[in-house]
Amino acid sequence: AENRLFLATSLYGWTWILRPGVGLIALVTLVALVLPMILRATG
């Protein structure tokens, strides 16, 4: 992961974060982290 991050930043700068695939992966990760907390809080 560290190697791929280095390659992505050297090729695209930090604009790689704005690519649609990265946004989709970030959204799925965020839902997977937040949804269990919401379900636990609501019972």
ModelCIF file with pLDDT and N, C-alpha, C, O atoms, coordinates in Angstrom:
data_MODEL
#
_entry.id   MODEL 
#
_entity.id                         1 
_entity.type                       polymer 
_entity.pdbx_number_of_molecules   1 
#
_entity_poly.entity_id                      1 
_entity_poly.type                           'polypeptide(L)' 
_entity_poly.nstd_linkage                   no 
_entity_poly.nstd_monomer                   no 
_entity_poly.pdbx_seq_one_letter_code       AENRLFLATSLYGWTWILRPGVGLIALVTLVALVLPMILRATG 
_entity_poly.pdbx_seq_one_letter_code_can   AENRLFLATSLYGWTWILRPGVGLIALVTLVALVLPMILRATG 
_entity_poly.pdbx_strand_id                 A 
#
loop_
_entity_poly_seq.entity_id 
_entity_poly_seq.num 
_entity_poly_seq.mon_id 
_entity_poly_seq.hetero 
1 1  ALA n 
1 2  GLU n 
1 3  ASN n 
1 4  ARG n 
1 5  LEU n 
1 6  PHE n 
1 7  LEU n 
1 8  ALA n 
1 9  THR n 
1 10 SER n 
1 11 LEU n 
1 12 TYR n 
1 13 GLY n 
1 14 TRP n 
1 15 THR n 
1 16 TRP n 
1 17 ILE n 
1 18 LEU n 
1 19 ARG n 
1 20 PRO n 
1 21 GLY n 
1 22 VAL n 
1 23 GLY n 
1 24 LEU n 
1 25 ILE n 
1 26 ALA n 
1 27 LEU n 
1 28 VAL n 
1 29 THR n 
1 30 LEU n 
1 31 VAL n 
1 32 ALA n 
1 33 LEU n 
1 34 VAL n 
1 35 LEU n 
1 36 PRO n 
1 37 MET n 
1 38 ILE n 
1 39 LEU n 
1 40 ARG n 
1 41 ALA n 
1 42 THR n 
1 43 GLY n 
#
_struct_asym.id          A 
_struct_asym.entity_id   1 
#
loop_
_ma_qa_metric.id 
_ma_qa_metric.mode 
_ma_qa_metric.name 
_ma_qa_metric.software_group_id 
_ma_qa_metric.type 
1 global pLDDT . pLDDT 
2 local  pLDDT . pLDDT 
#
_ma_qa_metric_global.metric_id      1 
_ma_qa_metric_global.metric_value   92.02 
_ma_qa_metric_global.model_id       1 
_ma_qa_metric_global.ordinal_id     1 
#
loop_
_ma_qa_metric_local.label_asym_id 
_ma_qa_metric_local.label_comp_id 
_ma_qa_metric_local.label_seq_id 
_ma_qa_metric_local.metric_id 
_ma_qa_metric_local.metric_value 
_ma_qa_metric_local.model_id 
_ma_qa_metric_local.ordinal_id 
A ALA 1  2 93.00 1 1  
A GLU 2  2 95.00 1 2  
A ASN 3  2 96.00 1 3  
A ARG 4  2 93.00 1 4  
A LEU 5  2 93.00 1 5  
A PHE 6  2 95.00 1 6  
A LEU 7  2 94.00 1 7  
A ALA 8  2 91.00 1 8  
A THR 9  2 94.00 1 9  
A SER 10 2 95.00 1 10 
A LEU 11 2 93.00 1 11 
A TYR 12 2 91.00 1 12 
A GLY 13 2 93.00 1 13 
A TRP 14 2 91.00 1 14 
A THR 15 2 93.00 1 15 
A TRP 16 2 90.00 1 16 
A ILE 17 2 91.00 1 17 
A LEU 18 2 92.00 1 18 
A ARG 19 2 91.00 1 19 
A PRO 20 2 94.00 1 20 
A GLY 21 2 93.00 1 21 
A VAL 22 2 93.00 1 22 
A GLY 23 2 94.00 1 23 
A LEU 24 2 97.00 1 24 
A ILE 25 2 95.00 1 25 
A ALA 26 2 95.00 1 26 
A LEU 27 2 96.00 1 27 
A VAL 28 2 97.00 1 28 
A THR 29 2 95.00 1 29 
A LEU 30 2 96.00 1 30 
A VAL 31 2 95.00 1 31 
A ALA 32 2 93.00 1 32 
A LEU 33 2 93.00 1 33 
A VAL 34 2 94.00 1 34 
A LEU 35 2 91.00 1 35 
A PRO 36 2 87.00 1 36 
A MET 37 2 88.00 1 37 
A ILE 38 2 88.00 1 38 
A LEU 39 2 86.00 1 39 
A ARG 40 2 84.00 1 40 
A ALA 41 2 86.00 1 41 
A THR 42 2 83.00 1 42 
A GLY 43 2 80.00 1 43 
#
loop_
_atom_site.group_PDB 
_atom_site.id 
_atom_site.type_symbol 
_atom_site.label_atom_id 
_atom_site.label_alt_id 
_atom_site.label_comp_id 
_atom_site.label_asym_id 
_atom_site.label_entity_id 
_atom_site.label_seq_id 
_atom_site.pdbx_PDB_ins_code 
_atom_site.Cartn_x 
_atom_site.Cartn_y 
_atom_site.Cartn_z 
_atom_site.occupancy 
_atom_site.B_iso_or_equiv 
_atom_site.pdbx_formal_charge 
_atom_site.auth_seq_id 
_atom_site.auth_comp_id 
_atom_site.auth_asym_id 
_atom_site.auth_atom_id 
_atom_site.pdbx_PDB_model_num 
ATOM 1   N N  . ALA A 1 1  ? 0.826   -1.208 0.000   1.00 93.00 ? 1  ALA A N  1 
ATOM 2   C CA . ALA A 1 1  ? 0.000   0.000  0.000   1.00 93.00 ? 1  ALA A CA 1 
ATOM 3   C C  . ALA A 1 1  ? 0.860   1.257  0.000   1.00 93.00 ? 1  ALA A C  1 
ATOM 4   O O  . ALA A 1 1  ? 0.546   2.233  -0.682  1.00 93.00 ? 1  ALA A O  1 
ATOM 5   N N  . GLU A 1 2  ? 1.941   1.230  0.764   1.00 95.00 ? 2  GLU A N  1 
ATOM 6   C CA . GLU A 1 2  ? 2.835   2.388  0.807   1.00 95.00 ? 2  GLU A CA 1 
ATOM 7   C C  . GLU A 1 2  ? 3.484   2.625  -0.554  1.00 95.00 ? 2  GLU A C  1 
ATOM 8   O O  . GLU A 1 2  ? 3.618   3.769  -0.990  1.00 95.00 ? 2  GLU A O  1 
ATOM 9   N N  . ASN A 1 3  ? 3.887   1.549  -1.224  1.00 96.00 ? 3  ASN A N  1 
ATOM 10  C CA . ASN A 1 3  ? 4.485   1.665  -2.548  1.00 96.00 ? 3  ASN A CA 1 
ATOM 11  C C  . ASN A 1 3  ? 3.495   2.248  -3.548  1.00 96.00 ? 3  ASN A C  1 
ATOM 12  O O  . ASN A 1 3  ? 3.855   3.125  -4.332  1.00 96.00 ? 3  ASN A O  1 
ATOM 13  N N  . ARG A 1 4  ? 2.255   1.771  -3.529  1.00 93.00 ? 4  ARG A N  1 
ATOM 14  C CA . ARG A 1 4  ? 1.242   2.259  -4.461  1.00 93.00 ? 4  ARG A CA 1 
ATOM 15  C C  . ARG A 1 4  ? 0.873   3.709  -4.177  1.00 93.00 ? 4  ARG A C  1 
ATOM 16  O O  . ARG A 1 4  ? 0.603   4.471  -5.105  1.00 93.00 ? 4  ARG A O  1 
ATOM 17  N N  . LEU A 1 5  ? 0.859   4.100  -2.901  1.00 93.00 ? 5  LEU A N  1 
ATOM 18  C CA . LEU A 1 5  ? 0.602   5.501  -2.566  1.00 93.00 ? 5  LEU A CA 1 
ATOM 19  C C  . LEU A 1 5  ? 1.707   6.390  -3.117  1.00 93.00 ? 5  LEU A C  1 
ATOM 20  O O  . LEU A 1 5  ? 1.432   7.464  -3.652  1.00 93.00 ? 5  LEU A O  1 
ATOM 21  N N  . PHE A 1 6  ? 2.946   5.951  -2.990  1.00 95.00 ? 6  PHE A N  1 
ATOM 22  C CA . PHE A 1 6  ? 4.066   6.719  -3.537  1.00 95.00 ? 6  PHE A CA 1 
ATOM 23  C C  . PHE A 1 6  ? 3.944   6.862  -5.053  1.00 95.00 ? 6  PHE A C  1 
ATOM 24  O O  . PHE A 1 6  ? 4.155   7.947  -5.596  1.00 95.00 ? 6  PHE A O  1 
ATOM 25  N N  . LEU A 1 7  ? 3.605   5.770  -5.734  1.00 94.00 ? 7  LEU A N  1 
ATOM 26  C CA . LEU A 1 7  ? 3.450   5.830  -7.188  1.00 94.00 ? 7  LEU A CA 1 
ATOM 27  C C  . LEU A 1 7  ? 2.314   6.759  -7.598  1.00 94.00 ? 7  LEU A C  1 
ATOM 28  O O  . LEU A 1 7  ? 2.459   7.544  -8.535  1.00 94.00 ? 7  LEU A O  1 
ATOM 29  N N  . ALA A 1 8  ? 1.185   6.674  -6.901  1.00 91.00 ? 8  ALA A N  1 
ATOM 30  C CA . ALA A 1 8  ? 0.037   7.511  -7.239  1.00 91.00 ? 8  ALA A CA 1 
ATOM 31  C C  . ALA A 1 8  ? 0.355   8.988  -7.044  1.00 91.00 ? 8  ALA A C  1 
ATOM 32  O O  . ALA A 1 8  ? 0.002   9.817  -7.884  1.00 91.00 ? 8  ALA A O  1 
ATOM 33  N N  . THR A 1 9  ? 1.016   9.319  -5.947  1.00 94.00 ? 9  THR A N  1 
ATOM 34  C CA . THR A 1 9  ? 1.329   10.729 -5.714  1.00 94.00 ? 9  THR A CA 1 
ATOM 35  C C  . THR A 1 9  ? 2.416   11.239 -6.651  1.00 94.00 ? 9  THR A C  1 
ATOM 36  O O  . THR A 1 9  ? 2.425   12.420 -6.996  1.00 94.00 ? 9  THR A O  1 
ATOM 37  N N  . SER A 1 10 ? 3.320   10.383 -7.061  1.00 95.00 ? 10 SER A N  1 
ATOM 38  C CA . SER A 1 10 ? 4.355   10.853 -7.985  1.00 95.00 ? 10 SER A CA 1 
ATOM 39  C C  . SER A 1 10 ? 3.811   11.002 -9.403  1.00 95.00 ? 10 SER A C  1 
ATOM 40  O O  . SER A 1 10 ? 4.283   11.854 -10.155 1.00 95.00 ? 10 SER A O  1 
ATOM 41  N N  . LEU A 1 11 ? 2.829   10.189 -9.780  1.00 93.00 ? 11 LEU A N  1 
ATOM 42  C CA . LEU A 1 11 ? 2.250   10.298 -11.118 1.00 93.00 ? 11 LEU A CA 1 
ATOM 43  C C  . LEU A 1 11 ? 1.200   11.395 -11.221 1.00 93.00 ? 11 LEU A C  1 
ATOM 44  O O  . LEU A 1 11 ? 1.197   12.157 -12.187 1.00 93.00 ? 11 LEU A O  1 
ATOM 45  N N  . TYR A 1 12 ? 0.310   11.486 -10.240 1.00 91.00 ? 12 TYR A N  1 
ATOM 46  C CA . TYR A 1 12 ? -0.836  12.384 -10.331 1.00 91.00 ? 12 TYR A CA 1 
ATOM 47  C C  . TYR A 1 12 ? -0.803  13.531 -9.333  1.00 91.00 ? 12 TYR A C  1 
ATOM 48  O O  . TYR A 1 12 ? -1.676  14.397 -9.383  1.00 91.00 ? 12 TYR A O  1 
ATOM 49  N N  . GLY A 1 13 ? 0.159   13.571 -8.440  1.00 93.00 ? 13 GLY A N  1 
ATOM 50  C CA . GLY A 1 13 ? 0.110   14.542 -7.348  1.00 93.00 ? 13 GLY A CA 1 
ATOM 51  C C  . GLY A 1 13 ? -1.007  14.119 -6.399  1.00 93.00 ? 13 GLY A C  1 
ATOM 52  O O  . GLY A 1 13 ? -1.339  12.937 -6.312  1.00 93.00 ? 13 GLY A O  1 
ATOM 53  N N  . TRP A 1 14 ? -1.575  15.073 -5.699  1.00 91.00 ? 14 TRP A N  1 
ATOM 54  C CA . TRP A 1 14 ? -2.664  14.728 -4.789  1.00 91.00 ? 14 TRP A CA 1 
ATOM 55  C C  . TRP A 1 14 ? -4.021  14.769 -5.479  1.00 91.00 ? 14 TRP A C  1 
ATOM 56  O O  . TRP A 1 14 ? -5.046  14.611 -4.816  1.00 91.00 ? 14 TRP A O  1 
ATOM 57  N N  . THR A 1 15 ? -4.053  14.976 -6.788  1.00 93.00 ? 15 THR A N  1 
ATOM 58  C CA . THR A 1 15 ? -5.335  14.981 -7.510  1.00 93.00 ? 15 THR A CA 1 
ATOM 59  C C  . THR A 1 15 ? -5.892  13.575 -7.688  1.00 93.00 ? 15 THR A C  1 
ATOM 60  O O  . THR A 1 15 ? -7.045  13.430 -8.093  1.00 93.00 ? 15 THR A O  1 
ATOM 61  N N  . TRP A 1 16 ? -5.110  12.529 -7.397  1.00 90.00 ? 16 TRP A N  1 
ATOM 62  C CA . TRP A 1 16 ? -5.618  11.165 -7.508  1.00 90.00 ? 16 TRP A CA 1 
ATOM 63  C C  . TRP A 1 16 ? -6.760  10.932 -6.532  1.00 90.00 ? 16 TRP A C  1 
ATOM 64  O O  . TRP A 1 16 ? -7.578  10.033 -6.732  1.00 90.00 ? 16 TRP A O  1 
ATOM 65  N N  . ILE A 1 17 ? -6.821  11.745 -5.470  1.00 91.00 ? 17 ILE A N  1 
ATOM 66  C CA . ILE A 1 17 ? -7.899  11.606 -4.489  1.00 91.00 ? 17 ILE A CA 1 
ATOM 67  C C  . ILE A 1 17 ? -9.246  11.957 -5.111  1.00 91.00 ? 17 ILE A C  1 
ATOM 68  O O  . ILE A 1 17 ? -10.279 11.460 -4.662  1.00 91.00 ? 17 ILE A O  1 
ATOM 69  N N  . LEU A 1 18 ? -9.251  12.794 -6.123  1.00 92.00 ? 18 LEU A N  1 
ATOM 70  C CA . LEU A 1 18 ? -10.495 13.239 -6.747  1.00 92.00 ? 18 LEU A CA 1 
ATOM 71  C C  . LEU A 1 18 ? -11.025 12.272 -7.799  1.00 92.00 ? 18 LEU A C  1 
ATOM 72  O O  . LEU A 1 18 ? -12.079 12.529 -8.382  1.00 92.00 ? 18 LEU A O  1 
ATOM 73  N N  . ARG A 1 19 ? -10.336 11.185 -8.057  1.00 91.00 ? 19 ARG A N  1 
ATOM 74  C CA . ARG A 1 19 ? -10.791 10.223 -9.060  1.00 91.00 ? 19 ARG A CA 1 
ATOM 75  C C  . ARG A 1 19 ? -12.005 9.455  -8.538  1.00 91.00 ? 19 ARG A C  1 
ATOM 76  O O  . ARG A 1 19 ? -12.097 9.207  -7.335  1.00 91.00 ? 19 ARG A O  1 
ATOM 77  N N  . PRO A 1 20 ? -12.945 9.069  -9.421  1.00 94.00 ? 20 PRO A N  1 
ATOM 78  C CA . PRO A 1 20 ? -14.195 8.433  -8.981  1.00 94.00 ? 20 PRO A CA 1 
ATOM 79  C C  . PRO A 1 20 ? -13.997 7.108  -8.238  1.00 94.00 ? 20 PRO A C  1 
ATOM 80  O O  . PRO A 1 20 ? -14.712 6.837  -7.273  1.00 94.00 ? 20 PRO A O  1 
ATOM 81  N N  . GLY A 1 21 ? -13.062 6.300  -8.660  1.00 93.00 ? 21 GLY A N  1 
ATOM 82  C CA . GLY A 1 21 ? -12.835 5.021  -7.994  1.00 93.00 ? 21 GLY A CA 1 
ATOM 83  C C  . GLY A 1 21 ? -12.381 5.198  -6.558  1.00 93.00 ? 21 GLY A C  1 
ATOM 84  O O  . GLY A 1 21 ? -12.788 4.443  -5.676  1.00 93.00 ? 21 GLY A O  1 
ATOM 85  N N  . VAL A 1 22 ? -11.542 6.188  -6.323  1.00 93.00 ? 22 VAL A N  1 
ATOM 86  C CA . VAL A 1 22 ? -11.059 6.463  -4.971  1.00 93.00 ? 22 VAL A CA 1 
ATOM 87  C C  . VAL A 1 22 ? -12.219 6.940  -4.100  1.00 93.00 ? 22 VAL A C  1 
ATOM 88  O O  . VAL A 1 22 ? -12.326 6.557  -2.935  1.00 93.00 ? 22 VAL A O  1 
ATOM 89  N N  . GLY A 1 23 ? -13.085 7.774  -4.668  1.00 94.00 ? 23 GLY A N  1 
ATOM 90  C CA . GLY A 1 23 ? -14.250 8.248  -3.926  1.00 94.00 ? 23 GLY A CA 1 
ATOM 91  C C  . GLY A 1 23 ? -15.192 7.116  -3.557  1.00 94.00 ? 23 GLY A C  1 
ATOM 92  O O  . GLY A 1 23 ? -15.729 7.086  -2.450  1.00 94.00 ? 23 GLY A O  1 
ATOM 93  N N  . LEU A 1 24 ? -15.395 6.186  -4.482  1.00 97.00 ? 24 LEU A N  1 
ATOM 94  C CA . LEU A 1 24 ? -16.269 5.041  -4.215  1.00 97.00 ? 24 LEU A CA 1 
ATOM 95  C C  . LEU A 1 24 ? -15.687 4.161  -3.105  1.00 97.00 ? 24 LEU A C  1 
ATOM 96  O O  . LEU A 1 24 ? -16.415 3.742  -2.205  1.00 97.00 ? 24 LEU A O  1 
ATOM 97  N N  . ILE A 1 25 ? -14.403 3.885  -3.159  1.00 95.00 ? 25 ILE A N  1 
ATOM 98  C CA . ILE A 1 25 ? -13.759 3.077  -2.121  1.00 95.00 ? 25 ILE A CA 1 
ATOM 99  C C  . ILE A 1 25 ? -13.837 3.795  -0.771  1.00 95.00 ? 25 ILE A C  1 
ATOM 100 O O  . ILE A 1 25 ? -14.081 3.157  0.253   1.00 95.00 ? 25 ILE A O  1 
ATOM 101 N N  . ALA A 1 26 ? -13.633 5.114  -0.761  1.00 95.00 ? 26 ALA A N  1 
ATOM 102 C CA . ALA A 1 26 ? -13.720 5.883  0.487   1.00 95.00 ? 26 ALA A CA 1 
ATOM 103 C C  . ALA A 1 26 ? -15.135 5.851  1.047   1.00 95.00 ? 26 ALA A C  1 
ATOM 104 O O  . ALA A 1 26 ? -15.313 5.741  2.260   1.00 95.00 ? 26 ALA A O  1 
ATOM 105 N N  . LEU A 1 27 ? -16.143 5.945  0.185   1.00 96.00 ? 27 LEU A N  1 
ATOM 106 C CA . LEU A 1 27 ? -17.529 5.906  0.632   1.00 96.00 ? 27 LEU A CA 1 
ATOM 107 C C  . LEU A 1 27 ? -17.884 4.552  1.233   1.00 96.00 ? 27 LEU A C  1 
ATOM 108 O O  . LEU A 1 27 ? -18.516 4.492  2.288   1.00 96.00 ? 27 LEU A O  1 
ATOM 109 N N  . VAL A 1 28 ? -17.487 3.470  0.578   1.00 97.00 ? 28 VAL A N  1 
ATOM 110 C CA . VAL A 1 28 ? -17.762 2.129  1.095   1.00 97.00 ? 28 VAL A CA 1 
ATOM 111 C C  . VAL A 1 28 ? -17.060 1.921  2.435   1.00 97.00 ? 28 VAL A C  1 
ATOM 112 O O  . VAL A 1 28 ? -17.641 1.342  3.353   1.00 97.00 ? 28 VAL A O  1 
ATOM 113 N N  . THR A 1 29 ? -15.827 2.383  2.552   1.00 95.00 ? 29 THR A N  1 
ATOM 114 C CA . THR A 1 29 ? -15.094 2.268  3.805   1.00 95.00 ? 29 THR A CA 1 
ATOM 115 C C  . THR A 1 29 ? -15.762 3.064  4.915   1.00 95.00 ? 29 THR A C  1 
ATOM 116 O O  . THR A 1 29 ? -15.882 2.583  6.041   1.00 95.00 ? 29 THR A O  1 
ATOM 117 N N  . LEU A 1 30 ? -16.193 4.272  4.605   1.00 96.00 ? 30 LEU A N  1 
ATOM 118 C CA . LEU A 1 30 ? -16.851 5.112  5.594   1.00 96.00 ? 30 LEU A CA 1 
ATOM 119 C C  . LEU A 1 30 ? -18.157 4.482  6.081   1.00 96.00 ? 30 LEU A C  1 
ATOM 120 O O  . LEU A 1 30 ? -18.439 4.490  7.279   1.00 96.00 ? 30 LEU A O  1 
ATOM 121 N N  . VAL A 1 31 ? -18.951 3.941  5.162   1.00 95.00 ? 31 VAL A N  1 
ATOM 122 C CA . VAL A 1 31 ? -20.202 3.284  5.544   1.00 95.00 ? 31 VAL A CA 1 
ATOM 123 C C  . VAL A 1 31 ? -19.911 2.058  6.410   1.00 95.00 ? 31 VAL A C  1 
ATOM 124 O O  . VAL A 1 31 ? -20.607 1.818  7.397   1.00 95.00 ? 31 VAL A O  1 
ATOM 125 N N  . ALA A 1 32 ? -18.897 1.288  6.050   1.00 93.00 ? 32 ALA A N  1 
ATOM 126 C CA . ALA A 1 32 ? -18.557 0.089  6.815   1.00 93.00 ? 32 ALA A CA 1 
ATOM 127 C C  . ALA A 1 32 ? -18.061 0.428  8.221   1.00 93.00 ? 32 ALA A C  1 
ATOM 128 O O  . ALA A 1 32 ? -18.216 -0.381 9.135   1.00 93.00 ? 32 ALA A O  1 
ATOM 129 N N  . LEU A 1 33 ? -17.478 1.590  8.406   1.00 93.00 ? 33 LEU A N  1 
ATOM 130 C CA . LEU A 1 33 ? -17.002 1.993  9.728   1.00 93.00 ? 33 LEU A CA 1 
ATOM 131 C C  . LEU A 1 33 ? -18.087 2.659  10.567  1.00 93.00 ? 33 LEU A C  1 
ATOM 132 O O  . LEU A 1 33 ? -18.134 2.469  11.782  1.00 93.00 ? 33 LEU A O  1 
ATOM 133 N N  . VAL A 1 34 ? -18.958 3.437  9.930   1.00 94.00 ? 34 VAL A N  1 
ATOM 134 C CA . VAL A 1 34 ? -19.937 4.225  10.668  1.00 94.00 ? 34 VAL A CA 1 
ATOM 135 C C  . VAL A 1 34 ? -21.228 3.457  10.928  1.00 94.00 ? 34 VAL A C  1 
ATOM 136 O O  . VAL A 1 34 ? -21.825 3.625  11.991  1.00 94.00 ? 34 VAL A O  1 
ATOM 137 N N  . LEU A 1 35 ? -21.675 2.630  10.006  1.00 91.00 ? 35 LEU A N  1 
ATOM 138 C CA . LEU A 1 35 ? -22.948 1.930  10.148  1.00 91.00 ? 35 LEU A CA 1 
ATOM 139 C C  . LEU A 1 35 ? -23.020 1.059  11.406  1.00 91.00 ? 35 LEU A C  1 
ATOM 140 O O  . LEU A 1 35 ? -24.042 1.108  12.091  1.00 91.00 ? 35 LEU A O  1 
ATOM 141 N N  . PRO A 1 36 ? -22.010 0.272  11.750  1.00 87.00 ? 36 PRO A N  1 
ATOM 142 C CA . PRO A 1 36 ? -22.100 -0.495 13.003  1.00 87.00 ? 36 PRO A CA 1 
ATOM 143 C C  . PRO A 1 36 ? -22.224 0.388  14.243  1.00 87.00 ? 36 PRO A C  1 
ATOM 144 O O  . PRO A 1 36 ? -22.910 0.020  15.196  1.00 87.00 ? 36 PRO A O  1 
ATOM 145 N N  . MET A 1 37 ? -21.571 1.544  14.241  1.00 88.00 ? 37 MET A N  1 
ATOM 146 C CA . MET A 1 37 ? -21.685 2.445  15.388  1.00 88.00 ? 37 MET A CA 1 
ATOM 147 C C  . MET A 1 37 ? -23.095 3.005  15.496  1.00 88.00 ? 37 MET A C  1 
ATOM 148 O O  . MET A 1 37 ? -23.631 3.128  16.598  1.00 88.00 ? 37 MET A O  1 
ATOM 149 N N  . ILE A 1 38 ? -23.700 3.346  14.364  1.00 88.00 ? 38 ILE A N  1 
ATOM 150 C CA . ILE A 1 38 ? -25.069 3.858  14.377  1.00 88.00 ? 38 ILE A CA 1 
ATOM 151 C C  . ILE A 1 38 ? -26.030 2.775  14.832  1.00 88.00 ? 38 ILE A C  1 
ATOM 152 O O  . ILE A 1 38 ? -26.919 3.038  15.641  1.00 88.00 ? 38 ILE A O  1 
ATOM 153 N N  . LEU A 1 39 ? -25.867 1.561  14.325  1.00 86.00 ? 39 LEU A N  1 
ATOM 154 C CA . LEU A 1 39 ? -26.744 0.470  14.728  1.00 86.00 ? 39 LEU A CA 1 
ATOM 155 C C  . LEU A 1 39 ? -26.602 0.155  16.210  1.00 86.00 ? 39 LEU A C  1 
ATOM 156 O O  . LEU A 1 39 ? -27.591 -0.136 16.883  1.00 86.00 ? 39 LEU A O  1 
ATOM 157 N N  . ARG A 1 40 ? -25.388 0.210  16.716  1.00 84.00 ? 40 ARG A N  1 
ATOM 158 C CA . ARG A 1 40 ? -25.166 -0.060 18.138  1.00 84.00 ? 40 ARG A CA 1 
ATOM 159 C C  . ARG A 1 40 ? -25.779 1.042  18.997  1.00 84.00 ? 40 ARG A C  1 
ATOM 160 O O  . ARG A 1 40 ? -26.341 0.762  20.056  1.00 84.00 ? 40 ARG A O  1 
ATOM 161 N N  . ALA A 1 41 ? -25.675 2.292  18.549  1.00 86.00 ? 41 ALA A N  1 
ATOM 162 C CA . ALA A 1 41 ? -26.213 3.411  19.318  1.00 86.00 ? 41 ALA A CA 1 
ATOM 163 C C  . ALA A 1 41 ? -27.738 3.391  19.354  1.00 86.00 ? 41 ALA A C  1 
ATOM 164 O O  . ALA A 1 41 ? -28.336 3.779  20.358  1.00 86.00 ? 41 ALA A O  1 
ATOM 165 N N  . THR A 1 42 ? -28.374 2.944  18.273  1.00 83.00 ? 42 THR A N  1 
ATOM 166 C CA . THR A 1 42 ? -29.835 2.907  18.233  1.00 83.00 ? 42 THR A CA 1 
ATOM 167 C C  . THR A 1 42 ? -30.403 1.626  18.814  1.00 83.00 ? 42 THR A C  1 
ATOM 168 O O  . THR A 1 42 ? -31.614 1.511  19.000  1.00 83.00 ? 42 THR A O  1 
ATOM 169 N N  . GLY A 1 43 ? -29.539 0.659  19.104  1.00 80.00 ? 43 GLY A N  1 
ATOM 170 C CA . GLY A 1 43 ? -30.006 -0.609 19.664  1.00 80.00 ? 43 GLY A CA 1 
ATOM 171 C C  . GLY A 1 43 ? -30.384 -1.632 18.621  1.00 80.00 ? 43 GLY A C  1 
ATOM 172 O O  . GLY A 1 43 ? -30.793 -2.741 18.964  1.00 80.00 ? 43 GLY A O  1 
#
